[in-house]
Structures are given as C-alpha cells and as structure tokens.
C-alpha cells in the first residue's frame, strides 16, 4: 500500500483508525481503504452512521457558540480527531476572534493534520495525549502555554468517551479534568447508546462487533450511565437529550429529522 504524503511516518496504515473512519463518515478525504472498508462494514448493520456523525458535529458547533455566548473564550477539545470543516477553532474564533483552542488526540494522523491546519494560528494548538491519562493533558506544555486553567474553560468530550472501556475508569478521568477546571467552566459531551437507535439492539450489536474486531471497542452506555459523567456540574437546559434536541437552531417539524440523528445523547454542564 502506497503511503500518501499526508500520512505521518511510523503509523500502520494497514490497521483501521477510529479517527479516519469518523473522517470517512463525514465525507472527508483523510482516510485509507482499510478505514473505508471497516466503516462500510459497520454501516451494513447501522446504515445511519453518517447521519449520527453529522448530528454530532452540528451539536458540537451549537455548544461552542453557547459557550462563547456564556463568556468562555478557552476551549479544550479532547479526542478531537481529524480536522474537518466547522471545527472548534473555526466556530469559536468566528464568534470571538480572541478565543483560544487546544486540541488533544492520541491518533498521530489526527495530531499531524491538526498541526497542519493550525499553522499560523497563534490562538490554537494541538497536543498528543490520551484521555485515559488526564495528568499528562493538564501538564502538557502546549496546553499550559495557551490556556489559563485558573479561568473558565469549555471542556469538549465529543464522541470520545464511548471508546474508553470501564476498566480504564472514564469517570475518574473526567472527574480529574473537572476538578482541575475553574468555576464557571463547561463540559460538552456526546456519547453513543442503544437508546434512540431506530433498530433492534441485536442489529446495532453488529456495528459494536466491527469496532471490537479492530480493537477499538465501542461502549454503549445507558442514559443514566452517561449522566454520571456530569457529576459535579449543573446541567444546562434542556439537559441530557438526543443531539438534535439540544437547542436546535431552527425547530424541526415532527418526522422531518432523520431518525438516526436521535441515536445517543448530548449535554452541556456548568461547574458551579
């Protein structure tokens, strides 16, 4: 397999990547045939995956604009993935040119692309780090050099926690990040769940199996389990809801939105 010029040296381009599969779902071009093959296999069981990802991105953009409206000008996006149109820094800096954004991912492709996209932007950085090791994130020089953690920060954990297994204690990781943030900070979160998927659980399980086979288990949690990530935060209205239901830009008529868009949950919490 020929290595494209944009693919960092040292990565195995014969193994599917969650970040590159996500890029494929969104119509991006930074993915390999191995990623497309895995994504198409997942879509055999859950054909609405691209719609779910689009709803996820749309929620993220609305949540970022809400954070700016609330006076927050610092953003920490963990599990940020490969930059696509309408990324956090574009949305935040369009609303507030002084907004600062730190991206974090453990996928070298995502990090390399973020660095390329952010070249010349002195108010945005990217760092290679892992959500499962929050101390490394909080001490990373790129992040501490840009963000002032003594001031409110919007912490984005968008479509990432469902890739952290219970054995790695994602609740402890989120709590450690929360405790390091100043009062007034926000947590912006989306998470996959069987709830809301317009298919029987047995069919959706096929997609879960695809991710398990590429050694990136997809952990489907219940609404109650997802709600625990907001411990220590005050939920912002309308609370923990499906992605299209969180402060839509325009009201949707019943049946107008694709039913797959209502898969999983999204929410924003504020640290008192």
C-alpha atoms as a PDB file:
ATOM      1  CA  UNK A   1       0.000   0.000   0.000  1.00  0.00           C
ATOM      2  CA  UNK A   2       1.428   3.350  -1.039  1.00  0.00           C
ATOM      3  CA  UNK A   3       1.779   5.853   1.810  1.00  0.00           C
ATOM      4  CA  UNK A   4       0.162   9.228   1.000  1.00  0.00           C
ATOM      5  CA  UNK A   5       2.277  12.322   1.596  1.00  0.00           C
ATOM      6  CA  UNK A   6      -0.075  13.452   4.369  1.00  0.00           C
ATOM      7  CA  UNK A   7       0.268  10.215   6.385  1.00  0.00           C
ATOM      8  CA  UNK A   8       2.833  10.600   9.201  1.00  0.00           C
ATOM      9  CA  UNK A   9       5.737   8.175   9.209  1.00  0.00           C
ATOM     10  CA  UNK A  10       5.560   5.488  11.845  1.00  0.00           C
ATOM     11  CA  UNK A  11       1.820   4.773  11.693  1.00  0.00           C
ATOM     12  CA  UNK A  12       0.496   1.441  10.468  1.00  0.00           C
ATOM     13  CA  UNK A  13      -1.731   2.305   7.509  1.00  0.00           C
ATOM     14  CA  UNK A  14      -2.918  -1.306   7.264  1.00  0.00           C
ATOM     15  CA  UNK A  15      -4.892  -1.026  10.532  1.00  0.00           C
ATOM     16  CA  UNK A  16      -8.241   0.855  10.688  1.00  0.00           C
ATOM     17  CA  UNK A  17      -8.320   4.047  12.758  1.00  0.00           C
ATOM     18  CA  UNK A  18     -11.393   5.334  14.575  1.00  0.00           C
ATOM     19  CA  UNK A  19     -10.410   8.922  13.696  1.00  0.00           C
ATOM     20  CA  UNK A  20     -10.084   8.132   9.995  1.00  0.00           C
ATOM     21  CA  UNK A  21     -13.350   6.147   9.980  1.00  0.00           C
ATOM     22  CA  UNK A  22     -15.063   9.197  11.514  1.00  0.00           C
ATOM     23  CA  UNK A  23     -13.479  11.337   8.786  1.00  0.00           C
ATOM     24  CA  UNK A  24     -14.932   8.950   6.181  1.00  0.00           C
ATOM     25  CA  UNK A  25     -18.432   9.112   7.700  1.00  0.00           C
ATOM     26  CA  UNK A  26     -18.272  12.909   7.453  1.00  0.00           C
ATOM     27  CA  UNK A  27     -17.199  12.806   3.815  1.00  0.00           C
ATOM     28  CA  UNK A  28     -13.548  13.667   4.476  1.00  0.00           C
ATOM     29  CA  UNK A  29     -10.578  12.625   2.354  1.00  0.00           C
ATOM     30  CA  UNK A  30      -8.030  11.710   5.035  1.00  0.00           C
ATOM     31  CA  UNK A  31      -8.735   8.003   5.308  1.00  0.00           C
ATOM     32  CA  UNK A  32      -7.391   4.809   3.770  1.00  0.00           C
ATOM     33  CA  UNK A  33      -9.173   1.918   2.094  1.00  0.00           C
ATOM     34  CA  UNK A  34      -8.750  -0.120   5.291  1.00  0.00           C
ATOM     35  CA  UNK A  35     -10.706   2.586   7.165  1.00  0.00           C
ATOM     36  CA  UNK A  36     -13.386   2.777   4.479  1.00  0.00           C
ATOM     37  CA  UNK A  37     -13.746  -0.993   4.478  1.00  0.00           C
ATOM     38  CA  UNK A  38     -14.275  -1.098   8.252  1.00  0.00           C
ATOM     39  CA  UNK A  39     -16.671   1.864   8.118  1.00  0.00           C
ATOM     40  CA  UNK A  40     -18.732   0.302   5.325  1.00  0.00           C
ATOM     41  CA  UNK A  41     -18.899  -2.938   7.314  1.00  0.00           C
ATOM     42  CA  UNK A  42     -20.180  -1.002  10.361  1.00  0.00           C
ATOM     43  CA  UNK A  43     -22.753   0.706   8.115  1.00  0.00           C
ATOM     44  CA  UNK A  44     -24.080  -2.661   6.965  1.00  0.00           C
ATOM     45  CA  UNK A  45     -25.545  -3.008  10.455  1.00  0.00           C
ATOM     46  CA  UNK A  46     -26.142   0.691  11.183  1.00  0.00           C
ATOM     47  CA  UNK A  47     -26.668   2.470   7.853  1.00  0.00           C
ATOM     48  CA  UNK A  48     -27.402   5.762   9.578  1.00  0.00           C
ATOM     49  CA  UNK A  49     -23.857   6.181  10.974  1.00  0.00           C
ATOM     50  CA  UNK A  50     -23.030   9.185   8.720  1.00  0.00           C
ATOM     51  CA  UNK A  51     -26.225  10.918   9.864  1.00  0.00           C
ATOM     52  CA  UNK A  52     -25.335  10.262  13.508  1.00  0.00           C
ATOM     53  CA  UNK A  53     -21.886  11.806  12.958  1.00  0.00           C
ATOM     54  CA  UNK A  54     -23.382  14.829  11.202  1.00  0.00           C
ATOM     55  CA  UNK A  55     -25.789  15.378  14.109  1.00  0.00           C
ATOM     56  CA  UNK A  56     -22.840  15.055  16.488  1.00  0.00           C
ATOM     57  CA  UNK A  57     -20.874  17.779  14.655  1.00  0.00           C
ATOM     58  CA  UNK A  58     -23.912  20.054  14.466  1.00  0.00           C
ATOM     59  CA  UNK A  59     -24.441  19.749  18.231  1.00  0.00           C
ATOM     60  CA  UNK A  60     -20.765  20.498  18.851  1.00  0.00           C
ATOM     61  CA  UNK A  61     -20.980  23.710  16.832  1.00  0.00           C
ATOM     62  CA  UNK A  62     -24.102  24.856  18.704  1.00  0.00           C
ATOM     63  CA  UNK A  63     -22.478  24.054  22.059  1.00  0.00           C
ATOM     64  CA  UNK A  64     -19.335  26.023  21.156  1.00  0.00           C
ATOM     65  CA  UNK A  65     -21.426  29.048  20.206  1.00  0.00           C
ATOM     66  CA  UNK A  66     -23.307  28.688  23.511  1.00  0.00           C
ATOM     67  CA  UNK A  67     -20.004  28.669  25.400  1.00  0.00           C
ATOM     68  CA  UNK A  68     -18.864  31.864  23.657  1.00  0.00           C
ATOM     69  CA  UNK A  69     -22.221  33.488  24.415  1.00  0.00           C
ATOM     70  CA  UNK A  70     -21.686  32.490  28.067  1.00  0.00           C
ATOM     71  CA  UNK A  71     -18.403  34.416  28.090  1.00  0.00           C
ATOM     72  CA  UNK A  72     -15.978  31.499  27.694  1.00  0.00           C
ATOM     73  CA  UNK A  73     -13.018  32.091  25.400  1.00  0.00           C
ATOM     74  CA  UNK A  74     -10.930  28.959  26.135  1.00  0.00           C
ATOM     75  CA  UNK A  75     -11.616  25.500  24.719  1.00  0.00           C
ATOM     76  CA  UNK A  76     -10.010  22.133  25.481  1.00  0.00           C
ATOM     77  CA  UNK A  77     -11.129  19.550  22.918  1.00  0.00           C
ATOM     78  CA  UNK A  78     -10.055  16.018  23.898  1.00  0.00           C
ATOM     79  CA  UNK A  79     -10.388  13.281  21.303  1.00  0.00           C
ATOM     80  CA  UNK A  80     -10.638  15.971  18.659  1.00  0.00           C
ATOM     81  CA  UNK A  81      -9.957  13.698  15.685  1.00  0.00           C
ATOM     82  CA  UNK A  82      -9.001  14.796  12.176  1.00  0.00           C
ATOM     83  CA  UNK A  83      -9.926  18.429  11.472  1.00  0.00           C
ATOM     84  CA  UNK A  84     -12.975  18.813   9.263  1.00  0.00           C
ATOM     85  CA  UNK A  85     -14.977  21.820   8.129  1.00  0.00           C
ATOM     86  CA  UNK A  86     -16.577  23.660  11.031  1.00  0.00           C
ATOM     87  CA  UNK A  87     -14.013  22.569  13.603  1.00  0.00           C
ATOM     88  CA  UNK A  88     -13.976  24.044  17.115  1.00  0.00           C
ATOM     89  CA  UNK A  89     -11.431  26.804  16.441  1.00  0.00           C
ATOM     90  CA  UNK A  90     -13.325  27.929  13.328  1.00  0.00           C
ATOM     91  CA  UNK A  91     -16.636  28.173  15.185  1.00  0.00           C
ATOM     92  CA  UNK A  92     -15.186  29.713  18.358  1.00  0.00           C
ATOM     93  CA  UNK A  93     -12.940  32.247  16.614  1.00  0.00           C
ATOM     94  CA  UNK A  94     -15.705  33.273  14.209  1.00  0.00           C
ATOM     95  CA  UNK A  95     -17.784  34.203  17.267  1.00  0.00           C
ATOM     96  CA  UNK A  96     -14.819  35.575  19.276  1.00  0.00           C
ATOM     97  CA  UNK A  97     -11.544  36.211  17.391  1.00  0.00           C
ATOM     98  CA  UNK A  98      -9.697  36.090  20.712  1.00  0.00           C
ATOM     99  CA  UNK A  99     -10.859  32.565  21.561  1.00  0.00           C
ATOM    100  CA  UNK A 100      -8.112  30.021  22.293  1.00  0.00           C
ATOM    101  CA  UNK A 101      -8.452  26.333  21.402  1.00  0.00           C
ATOM    102  CA  UNK A 102      -6.301  23.368  22.432  1.00  0.00           C
ATOM    103  CA  UNK A 103      -6.883  20.095  20.603  1.00  0.00           C
ATOM    104  CA  UNK A 104      -5.856  16.760  22.122  1.00  0.00           C
ATOM    105  CA  UNK A 105      -5.757  13.356  20.447  1.00  0.00           C
ATOM    106  CA  UNK A 106      -3.685  10.188  20.725  1.00  0.00           C
ATOM    107  CA  UNK A 107      -4.005   9.348  16.995  1.00  0.00           C
ATOM    108  CA  UNK A 108      -0.822  10.556  15.214  1.00  0.00           C
ATOM    109  CA  UNK A 109      -2.767  11.197  11.981  1.00  0.00           C
ATOM    110  CA  UNK A 110      -5.211  13.457  13.818  1.00  0.00           C
ATOM    111  CA  UNK A 111      -2.381  15.307  15.558  1.00  0.00           C
ATOM    112  CA  UNK A 112      -0.389  15.786  12.343  1.00  0.00           C
ATOM    113  CA  UNK A 113      -3.404  17.134  10.477  1.00  0.00           C
ATOM    114  CA  UNK A 114      -4.365  19.449  13.294  1.00  0.00           C
ATOM    115  CA  UNK A 115      -0.844  20.885  13.290  1.00  0.00           C
ATOM    116  CA  UNK A 116      -1.048  21.493   9.538  1.00  0.00           C
ATOM    117  CA  UNK A 117      -4.486  23.116   9.737  1.00  0.00           C
ATOM    118  CA  UNK A 118      -3.473  25.341  12.648  1.00  0.00           C
ATOM    119  CA  UNK A 119      -0.225  26.600  11.128  1.00  0.00           C
ATOM    120  CA  UNK A 120      -0.126  30.372  11.508  1.00  0.00           C
ATOM    121  CA  UNK A 121      -2.944  30.398  14.097  1.00  0.00           C
ATOM    122  CA  UNK A 122      -1.314  31.545  17.336  1.00  0.00           C
ATOM    123  CA  UNK A 123      -4.514  31.003  19.329  1.00  0.00           C
ATOM    124  CA  UNK A 124      -4.852  27.284  18.636  1.00  0.00           C
ATOM    125  CA  UNK A 125      -2.558  24.331  19.367  1.00  0.00           C
ATOM    126  CA  UNK A 126      -2.654  20.561  19.234  1.00  0.00           C
ATOM    127  CA  UNK A 127      -1.175  18.060  21.684  1.00  0.00           C
ATOM    128  CA  UNK A 128      -0.574  14.322  21.525  1.00  0.00           C
ATOM    129  CA  UNK A 129      -2.067  12.879  24.714  1.00  0.00           C
ATOM    130  CA  UNK A 130      -4.611  10.334  25.914  1.00  0.00           C
ATOM    131  CA  UNK A 131      -7.871  10.973  27.779  1.00  0.00           C
ATOM    132  CA  UNK A 132      -7.095   7.979  29.982  1.00  0.00           C
ATOM    133  CA  UNK A 133      -4.105   9.891  31.392  1.00  0.00           C
ATOM    134  CA  UNK A 134      -5.571  13.289  32.318  1.00  0.00           C
ATOM    135  CA  UNK A 135      -2.465  14.355  34.272  1.00  0.00           C
ATOM    136  CA  UNK A 136      -0.487  14.268  31.010  1.00  0.00           C
ATOM    137  CA  UNK A 137      -3.066  16.506  29.359  1.00  0.00           C
ATOM    138  CA  UNK A 138      -3.192  19.008  32.201  1.00  0.00           C
ATOM    139  CA  UNK A 139       0.611  19.260  32.306  1.00  0.00           C
ATOM    140  CA  UNK A 140       1.228  19.281  28.555  1.00  0.00           C
ATOM    141  CA  UNK A 141       3.336  22.338  27.647  1.00  0.00           C
ATOM    142  CA  UNK A 142       1.302  23.115  24.524  1.00  0.00           C
ATOM    143  CA  UNK A 143      -1.853  23.292  26.633  1.00  0.00           C
ATOM    144  CA  UNK A 144      -0.441  25.097  29.659  1.00  0.00           C
ATOM    145  CA  UNK A 145       1.275  27.534  27.309  1.00  0.00           C
ATOM    146  CA  UNK A 146      -2.036  28.533  25.711  1.00  0.00           C
ATOM    147  CA  UNK A 147      -4.827  28.024  28.232  1.00  0.00           C
ATOM    148  CA  UNK A 148      -5.139  29.573  31.672  1.00  0.00           C
ATOM    149  CA  UNK A 149      -6.785  26.849  33.755  1.00  0.00           C
ATOM    150  CA  UNK A 150      -7.460  29.378  36.515  1.00  0.00           C
ATOM    151  CA  UNK A 151     -10.111  30.856  34.210  1.00  0.00           C
ATOM    152  CA  UNK A 152     -13.227  29.079  32.848  1.00  0.00           C
ATOM    153  CA  UNK A 153     -12.647  26.566  30.064  1.00  0.00           C
ATOM    154  CA  UNK A 154     -15.085  24.668  27.860  1.00  0.00           C
ATOM    155  CA  UNK A 155     -14.024  21.012  28.042  1.00  0.00           C
ATOM    156  CA  UNK A 156     -15.176  19.096  24.958  1.00  0.00           C
ATOM    157  CA  UNK A 157     -15.508  15.320  25.171  1.00  0.00           C
ATOM    158  CA  UNK A 158     -17.414  14.794  21.943  1.00  0.00           C
ATOM    159  CA  UNK A 159     -17.812  11.208  20.695  1.00  0.00           C
ATOM    160  CA  UNK A 160     -14.776  10.011  22.653  1.00  0.00           C
ATOM    161  CA  UNK A 161     -15.904   8.554  25.988  1.00  0.00           C
ATOM    162  CA  UNK A 162     -17.638   5.620  24.305  1.00  0.00           C
ATOM    163  CA  UNK A 163     -14.162   4.449  23.240  1.00  0.00           C
ATOM    164  CA  UNK A 164     -12.946   4.300  26.860  1.00  0.00           C
ATOM    165  CA  UNK A 165     -13.663   0.970  28.500  1.00  0.00           C
ATOM    166  CA  UNK A 166     -14.919   0.699  32.074  1.00  0.00           C
ATOM    167  CA  UNK A 167     -11.629  -0.981  33.035  1.00  0.00           C
ATOM    168  CA  UNK A 168      -9.885   2.329  32.260  1.00  0.00           C
ATOM    169  CA  UNK A 169     -12.306   4.188  34.589  1.00  0.00           C
ATOM    170  CA  UNK A 170     -13.524   7.019  32.337  1.00  0.00           C
ATOM    171  CA  UNK A 171     -15.487   8.510  35.249  1.00  0.00           C
ATOM    172  CA  UNK A 172     -12.289   9.068  37.235  1.00  0.00           C
ATOM    173  CA  UNK A 173     -10.606  10.662  34.215  1.00  0.00           C
ATOM    174  CA  UNK A 174     -13.497  13.080  33.677  1.00  0.00           C
ATOM    175  CA  UNK A 175     -13.606  13.890  37.406  1.00  0.00           C
ATOM    176  CA  UNK A 176      -9.880  14.675  37.419  1.00  0.00           C
ATOM    177  CA  UNK A 177     -10.294  17.036  34.481  1.00  0.00           C
ATOM    178  CA  UNK A 178     -13.344  18.618  36.103  1.00  0.00           C
ATOM    179  CA  UNK A 179     -11.541  19.220  39.391  1.00  0.00           C
ATOM    180  CA  UNK A 180      -8.682  20.957  37.556  1.00  0.00           C
ATOM    181  CA  UNK A 181     -11.013  23.448  35.861  1.00  0.00           C
ATOM    182  CA  UNK A 182     -12.108  26.800  37.277  1.00  0.00           C
ATOM    183  CA  UNK A 183     -15.680  27.504  38.432  1.00  0.00           C
ATOM    184  CA  UNK A 184     -17.819  28.572  35.508  1.00  0.00           C
ATOM    185  CA  UNK A 185     -16.208  26.003  33.204  1.00  0.00           C
ATOM    186  CA  UNK A 186     -18.396  23.898  30.920  1.00  0.00           C
ATOM    187  CA  UNK A 187     -18.313  20.251  29.902  1.00  0.00           C
ATOM    188  CA  UNK A 188     -19.654  19.477  26.411  1.00  0.00           C
ATOM    189  CA  UNK A 189     -20.274  15.789  25.865  1.00  0.00           C
ATOM    190  CA  UNK A 190     -21.809  13.310  23.428  1.00  0.00           C
ATOM    191  CA  UNK A 191     -21.958   9.547  23.881  1.00  0.00           C
ATOM    192  CA  UNK A 192     -23.233   6.534  21.952  1.00  0.00           C
ATOM    193  CA  UNK A 193     -26.092   4.497  23.376  1.00  0.00           C
ATOM    194  CA  UNK A 194     -28.513   1.811  22.263  1.00  0.00           C
ATOM    195  CA  UNK A 195     -31.237   4.207  23.348  1.00  0.00           C
ATOM    196  CA  UNK A 196     -32.651   6.159  20.431  1.00  0.00           C
ATOM    197  CA  UNK A 197     -31.246   3.949  17.670  1.00  0.00           C
ATOM    198  CA  UNK A 198     -34.134   3.096  15.305  1.00  0.00           C
ATOM    199  CA  UNK A 199     -33.057  -0.551  15.100  1.00  0.00           C
ATOM    200  CA  UNK A 200     -33.266  -3.578  17.394  1.00  0.00           C
ATOM    201  CA  UNK A 201     -30.287  -3.897  19.746  1.00  0.00           C
ATOM    202  CA  UNK A 202     -29.319  -7.161  18.056  1.00  0.00           C
ATOM    203  CA  UNK A 203     -28.766  -5.356  14.729  1.00  0.00           C
ATOM    204  CA  UNK A 204     -26.872  -2.441  16.296  1.00  0.00           C
ATOM    205  CA  UNK A 205     -24.657  -5.023  18.011  1.00  0.00           C
ATOM    206  CA  UNK A 206     -23.200  -5.816  14.598  1.00  0.00           C
ATOM    207  CA  UNK A 207     -21.612  -2.367  14.484  1.00  0.00           C
ATOM    208  CA  UNK A 208     -20.308  -2.777  18.021  1.00  0.00           C
ATOM    209  CA  UNK A 209     -18.714  -6.018  16.850  1.00  0.00           C
ATOM    210  CA  UNK A 210     -16.919  -4.270  13.973  1.00  0.00           C
ATOM    211  CA  UNK A 211     -15.273  -1.825  16.379  1.00  0.00           C
ATOM    212  CA  UNK A 212     -14.383  -4.656  18.737  1.00  0.00           C
ATOM    213  CA  UNK A 213     -12.717  -6.517  15.870  1.00  0.00           C
ATOM    214  CA  UNK A 214     -10.482  -3.524  15.077  1.00  0.00           C
ATOM    215  CA  UNK A 215      -9.536  -3.369  18.764  1.00  0.00           C
ATOM    216  CA  UNK A 216     -11.360  -0.108  19.456  1.00  0.00           C
ATOM    217  CA  UNK A 217     -14.333  -1.321  21.489  1.00  0.00           C
ATOM    218  CA  UNK A 218     -17.439   0.855  21.232  1.00  0.00           C
ATOM    219  CA  UNK A 219     -19.000   1.017  24.695  1.00  0.00           C
ATOM    220  CA  UNK A 220     -22.739   1.677  24.527  1.00  0.00           C
ATOM    221  CA  UNK A 221     -23.860   3.208  27.825  1.00  0.00           C
ATOM    222  CA  UNK A 222     -27.351   3.970  29.119  1.00  0.00           C
ATOM    223  CA  UNK A 223     -28.676   7.487  29.634  1.00  0.00           C
ATOM    224  CA  UNK A 224     -28.203   7.045  33.386  1.00  0.00           C
ATOM    225  CA  UNK A 225     -24.593   5.907  32.959  1.00  0.00           C
ATOM    226  CA  UNK A 226     -23.842   8.817  30.620  1.00  0.00           C
ATOM    227  CA  UNK A 227     -25.441  11.227  33.080  1.00  0.00           C
ATOM    228  CA  UNK A 228     -22.836  10.220  35.690  1.00  0.00           C
ATOM    229  CA  UNK A 229     -20.147  11.991  33.650  1.00  0.00           C
ATOM    230  CA  UNK A 230     -21.840  15.261  34.637  1.00  0.00           C
ATOM    231  CA  UNK A 231     -21.390  14.688  38.384  1.00  0.00           C
ATOM    232  CA  UNK A 232     -20.197  17.969  39.869  1.00  0.00           C
ATOM    233  CA  UNK A 233     -21.771  20.023  37.071  1.00  0.00           C
ATOM    234  CA  UNK A 234     -25.114  21.792  36.819  1.00  0.00           C
ATOM    235  CA  UNK A 235     -26.879  20.656  33.652  1.00  0.00           C
ATOM    236  CA  UNK A 236     -27.604  23.410  31.146  1.00  0.00           C
ATOM    237  CA  UNK A 237     -31.134  23.320  29.729  1.00  0.00           C
ATOM    238  CA  UNK A 238     -32.510  21.184  28.151  1.00  0.00           C
ATOM    239  CA  UNK A 239     -30.324  18.655  29.978  1.00  0.00           C
ATOM    240  CA  UNK A 240     -29.132  15.312  28.617  1.00  0.00           C
ATOM    241  CA  UNK A 241     -31.070  14.771  25.379  1.00  0.00           C
ATOM    242  CA  UNK A 242     -30.615  13.458  21.858  1.00  0.00           C
ATOM    243  CA  UNK A 243     -28.306  15.606  19.743  1.00  0.00           C
ATOM    244  CA  UNK A 244     -30.958  17.334  17.571  1.00  0.00           C
ATOM    245  CA  UNK A 245     -32.965  18.208  20.697  1.00  0.00           C
ATOM    246  CA  UNK A 246     -30.169  20.259  22.280  1.00  0.00           C
ATOM    247  CA  UNK A 247     -31.005  23.889  21.450  1.00  0.00           C
ATOM    248  CA  UNK A 248     -31.669  23.414  17.712  1.00  0.00           C
ATOM    249  CA  UNK A 249     -31.035  26.434  15.502  1.00  0.00           C
ATOM    250  CA  UNK A 250     -34.486  26.022  13.969  1.00  0.00           C
ATOM    251  CA  UNK A 251     -37.412  23.977  15.301  1.00  0.00           C
ATOM    252  CA  UNK A 252     -37.841  20.677  13.498  1.00  0.00           C
ATOM    253  CA  UNK A 253     -41.280  19.525  12.443  1.00  0.00           C
ATOM    254  CA  UNK A 254     -42.156  16.017  13.678  1.00  0.00           C
ATOM    255  CA  UNK A 255     -40.677  13.436  11.333  1.00  0.00           C
ATOM    256  CA  UNK A 256     -38.543  15.980   9.486  1.00  0.00           C
ATOM    257  CA  UNK A 257     -35.224  14.941  11.057  1.00  0.00           C
ATOM    258  CA  UNK A 258     -33.604  11.650  10.098  1.00  0.00           C
ATOM    259  CA  UNK A 259     -34.437   9.132  12.887  1.00  0.00           C
ATOM    260  CA  UNK A 260     -30.782   8.060  13.157  1.00  0.00           C
ATOM    261  CA  UNK A 261     -29.855  11.570  14.312  1.00  0.00           C
ATOM    262  CA  UNK A 262     -31.601  10.821  17.620  1.00  0.00           C
ATOM    263  CA  UNK A 263     -29.196   7.997  18.489  1.00  0.00           C
ATOM    264  CA  UNK A 264     -27.237   8.513  21.696  1.00  0.00           C
ATOM    265  CA  UNK A 265     -27.117  11.548  23.980  1.00  0.00           C
ATOM    266  CA  UNK A 266     -25.633  15.037  24.239  1.00  0.00           C
ATOM    267  CA  UNK A 267     -25.431  17.566  27.021  1.00  0.00           C
ATOM    268  CA  UNK A 268     -23.642  20.558  28.488  1.00  0.00           C
ATOM    269  CA  UNK A 269     -22.860  21.025  32.176  1.00  0.00           C
ATOM    270  CA  UNK A 270     -21.544  24.012  34.117  1.00  0.00           C
ATOM    271  CA  UNK A 271     -19.176  23.830  37.066  1.00  0.00           C
ATOM    272  CA  UNK A 272     -20.540  25.960  39.898  1.00  0.00           C
END
